[in-house]
Amino acid sequence: MKHVAYGEMWTCEQCGRRWNTAQIPADEYWGIMRNMRRLRLSVIGVALGFTIIFGLLGIFVSQGLFLMLPVVLAGWFIWYMPWWRRKVRRQVRNLPKWNLHPE
């Protein structure tokens, strides 16, 4: 299996057939790409939010709250990220599949 960018042609070295990824409907492909980007940005946004909140609380309320950051990060990696990964995998499994035909 070879990964080819959307819209590009690929020629199989073994059989010589040419495959065109432009056979995939553009609106479906770019919709999937937007959804995957949104999922990545959401996890980055949540992480950035935690960082800002704990940074501000540590500066303005108590520096002892900086010590809570490792606990929150542990929770992040133990509970949130596995849940997020399962969600992404579930969405990827349910993506449409296209049967491309050689040209």
Protein backbone atom coordinates (compact mmCIF):
# COMPACT_ATOMS: atom_id res chain seq x y z
CA MET A 1 0.00 0.00 0.00
CA LYS A 2 1.31 3.42 -0.92
CA HIS A 3 0.24 6.81 0.44
CA VAL A 4 -0.36 9.35 -2.29
CA ALA A 5 -1.50 12.95 -1.85
CA TYR A 6 -5.03 13.79 -2.95
CA GLY A 7 -5.32 14.62 -6.65
CA GLU A 8 -2.06 12.94 -7.64
CA MET A 9 -1.47 10.00 -9.93
CA TRP A 10 0.49 6.93 -8.91
CA THR A 11 1.85 4.16 -11.10
CA CYS A 12 2.32 0.70 -9.62
CA GLU A 13 5.89 -0.49 -10.12
CA GLN A 14 4.79 -4.14 -10.33
CA CYS A 15 1.81 -4.08 -12.68
CA GLY A 16 2.24 -0.70 -14.39
CA ARG A 17 -1.34 0.43 -13.73
CA ARG A 18 -1.96 4.11 -13.01
CA TRP A 19 -4.19 5.19 -10.16
CA ASN A 20 -5.70 8.65 -9.85
CA THR A 21 -6.73 9.84 -6.39
CA ALA A 22 -8.85 12.58 -7.98
CA GLN A 23 -11.52 9.87 -8.35
CA ILE A 24 -12.32 10.52 -4.69
CA PRO A 25 -15.06 13.18 -4.41
CA ALA A 26 -13.37 16.44 -3.40
CA ASP A 27 -16.10 17.60 -1.02
CA GLU A 28 -16.00 14.32 0.92
CA TYR A 29 -12.20 14.30 1.09
CA TRP A 30 -11.87 17.91 2.26
CA GLY A 31 -14.73 17.42 4.73
CA ILE A 32 -12.80 14.55 6.30
CA MET A 33 -9.64 16.66 6.39
CA ARG A 34 -11.52 19.53 8.09
CA ASN A 35 -12.96 17.16 10.67
CA MET A 36 -9.53 15.66 11.47
CA ARG A 37 -8.01 19.14 11.75
CA ARG A 38 -10.83 20.18 14.09
CA LEU A 39 -10.17 17.17 16.31
CA ARG A 40 -6.44 17.97 16.50
CA LEU A 41 -7.08 21.64 17.21
CA SER A 42 -9.61 20.81 19.93
CA VAL A 43 -7.09 18.76 21.90
CA ILE A 44 -4.45 21.48 21.44
CA GLY A 45 -6.97 24.10 22.60
CA VAL A 46 -7.84 22.17 25.75
CA ALA A 47 -4.15 21.69 26.57
CA LEU A 48 -3.47 25.39 25.96
CA GLY A 49 -6.44 26.30 28.16
CA PHE A 50 -5.12 24.19 31.04
CA THR A 51 -1.68 25.73 30.65
CA ILE A 52 -3.02 29.30 30.71
CA ILE A 53 -5.35 28.67 33.64
CA PHE A 54 -2.69 27.01 35.77
CA GLY A 55 -0.12 29.60 34.77
CA LEU A 56 -2.37 32.48 35.77
CA LEU A 57 -3.50 30.78 38.98
CA GLY A 58 0.11 30.03 39.86
CA ILE A 59 1.14 33.63 39.30
CA PHE A 60 -1.81 35.46 40.86
CA VAL A 61 -3.21 33.07 43.48
CA SER A 62 -0.54 30.78 44.83
CA GLN A 63 2.70 29.41 43.50
CA GLY A 64 1.79 26.12 45.16
CA LEU A 65 -0.70 25.58 42.33
CA PHE A 66 2.25 25.01 40.02
CA LEU A 67 2.71 21.76 41.94
CA MET A 68 -0.80 20.70 40.89
CA LEU A 69 0.16 20.91 37.23
CA PRO A 70 1.86 17.47 37.16
CA VAL A 71 -1.26 15.94 38.73
CA VAL A 72 -3.47 17.56 36.11
CA LEU A 73 -1.11 16.48 33.32
CA ALA A 74 -1.15 12.91 34.66
CA GLY A 75 -4.95 12.95 34.54
CA TRP A 76 -4.75 14.40 31.06
CA PHE A 77 -2.56 11.57 29.78
CA ILE A 78 -4.25 8.79 31.76
CA TRP A 79 -7.92 9.65 31.12
CA TYR A 80 -8.48 12.34 28.52
CA MET A 81 -6.00 11.34 25.80
CA PRO A 82 -7.06 7.66 25.67
CA TRP A 83 -10.69 8.80 25.44
CA TRP A 84 -9.78 11.26 22.67
CA ARG A 85 -7.81 8.61 20.76
CA ARG A 86 -10.74 6.17 20.95
CA LYS A 87 -13.03 8.90 19.63
CA VAL A 88 -10.70 9.62 16.71
CA ARG A 89 -10.26 5.92 15.90
CA ARG A 90 -14.03 5.40 15.98
CA GLN A 91 -14.51 8.25 13.53
CA VAL A 92 -11.75 6.96 11.26
CA ARG A 93 -13.28 3.47 11.22
CA ASN A 94 -16.59 4.98 10.08
CA LEU A 95 -15.10 6.97 7.21
CA PRO A 96 -16.32 6.20 3.71
CA LYS A 97 -14.22 3.87 1.60
CA TRP A 98 -13.69 4.44 -2.08
CA ASN A 99 -12.94 1.87 -4.75
CA LEU A 100 -10.55 3.52 -7.15
CA HIS A 101 -10.25 2.11 -10.63
CA PRO A 102 -6.99 2.08 -12.61
CA GLU A 103 -6.81 4.34 -15.62
